[in-house]
Amino acid sequence: MWYPKRKVNTPFEWRWSIPMIGLFLVVADFLYFYAISYEGSLISVISALRRGGVIISFTLGAMMFNEKNVKQKGWLLIGILAGVIILLFGSKK
């Protein structure tokens, strides 16, 4: 539905952030898989750190883009963080 009217509604604008986001995602995945390749590494802790990055995306998205559904998405974020906390407590012996 967007494609036929893209020039009228939202024309594409090239920004350097587009390839940089891709580059940072590849680097983050590389570091994640490198961290779990160590013997004895706690997968649940590493996974919790990776999921914790959602907080940064949520906060910056809400501030920079004036998100209108902050409350609804905030409740979902609380659910994700509750899962991360459960993982962390579950990994303690």
Protein backbone atom coordinates (compact mmCIF):
# COMPACT_ATOMS: atom_id res chain seq x y z
CA MET A 1 0.00 0.00 0.00
CA TRP A 2 2.92 2.34 0.60
CA TYR A 3 4.82 1.64 -2.61
CA PRO A 4 2.42 3.12 -5.22
CA LYS A 5 2.00 6.39 -3.29
CA ARG A 6 5.49 6.64 -1.83
CA LYS A 7 6.42 9.82 -3.69
CA VAL A 8 3.35 11.63 -2.41
CA ASN A 9 3.16 10.36 1.17
CA THR A 10 6.69 9.62 2.33
CA PRO A 11 9.43 9.88 -0.26
CA PHE A 12 12.60 7.96 0.50
CA GLU A 13 15.41 10.02 1.99
CA TRP A 14 18.92 8.64 2.00
CA ARG A 15 20.60 8.90 5.38
CA TRP A 16 23.90 7.53 6.57
CA SER A 17 22.12 6.08 9.58
CA ILE A 18 20.63 3.35 7.35
CA PRO A 19 23.87 1.44 6.62
CA MET A 20 25.26 2.33 10.05
CA ILE A 21 22.34 0.62 11.79
CA GLY A 22 23.00 -2.48 9.71
CA LEU A 23 26.70 -2.35 10.55
CA PHE A 24 26.02 -1.98 14.28
CA LEU A 25 23.55 -4.89 14.21
CA VAL A 26 26.16 -7.12 12.57
CA VAL A 27 28.81 -6.08 15.11
CA ALA A 28 26.41 -6.64 18.02
CA ASP A 29 25.55 -10.13 16.75
CA PHE A 30 29.22 -10.92 16.26
CA LEU A 31 30.04 -9.86 19.82
CA TYR A 32 27.09 -11.85 21.17
CA PHE A 33 28.13 -15.06 19.42
CA TYR A 34 31.76 -14.45 20.36
CA ALA A 35 30.73 -14.11 24.03
CA ILE A 36 28.74 -17.33 24.04
CA SER A 37 31.61 -19.21 22.38
CA TYR A 38 33.62 -19.01 25.62
CA GLU A 39 33.43 -22.15 27.66
CA GLY A 40 31.68 -21.54 30.96
CA SER A 41 29.91 -18.40 29.82
CA LEU A 42 26.47 -17.93 31.33
CA ILE A 43 24.05 -17.82 28.43
CA SER A 44 21.23 -16.41 30.54
CA VAL A 45 23.34 -13.46 31.68
CA ILE A 46 24.58 -12.72 28.17
CA SER A 47 21.04 -13.01 26.83
CA ALA A 48 19.77 -10.66 29.54
CA LEU A 49 22.34 -8.06 28.54
CA ARG A 50 21.33 -8.40 24.92
CA ARG A 51 17.63 -8.01 25.75
CA GLY A 52 18.41 -5.02 27.96
CA GLY A 53 19.23 -3.04 24.82
CA VAL A 54 15.49 -2.73 24.29
CA ILE A 55 15.44 -0.07 27.01
CA ILE A 56 17.73 2.18 25.00
CA SER A 57 15.69 1.74 21.81
CA PHE A 58 12.44 2.41 23.65
CA THR A 59 13.69 5.52 25.42
CA LEU A 60 15.35 7.10 22.39
CA GLY A 61 12.39 6.23 20.16
CA ALA A 62 9.95 7.80 22.60
CA MET A 63 12.01 10.98 22.94
CA MET A 64 13.20 11.49 19.37
CA PHE A 65 10.06 10.48 17.50
CA ASN A 66 7.45 11.76 19.98
CA GLU A 67 5.83 8.36 20.25
CA LYS A 68 2.11 8.53 21.02
CA ASN A 69 1.72 4.99 22.40
CA VAL A 70 4.34 5.20 25.13
CA LYS A 71 2.10 3.79 27.87
CA GLN A 72 1.03 0.73 25.88
CA LYS A 73 4.57 0.02 24.74
CA GLY A 74 5.86 0.71 28.24
CA TRP A 75 3.74 -2.12 29.62
CA LEU A 76 5.18 -4.44 26.97
CA LEU A 77 8.67 -3.30 27.89
CA ILE A 78 7.95 -4.07 31.54
CA GLY A 79 6.97 -7.60 30.46
CA ILE A 80 10.25 -8.03 28.60
CA LEU A 81 12.23 -6.76 31.57
CA ALA A 82 10.33 -9.09 33.91
CA GLY A 83 11.42 -11.98 31.70
CA VAL A 84 15.03 -10.78 31.83
CA ILE A 85 14.90 -10.59 35.63
CA ILE A 86 13.42 -14.09 35.82
CA LEU A 87 16.28 -15.34 33.62
CA LEU A 88 18.85 -13.68 35.84
CA PHE A 89 17.39 -15.09 39.05
CA GLY A 90 17.03 -18.50 37.42
CA SER A 91 20.72 -18.58 36.55
CA LYS A 92 21.85 -18.02 40.15
CA LYS A 93 22.76 -21.18 42.03
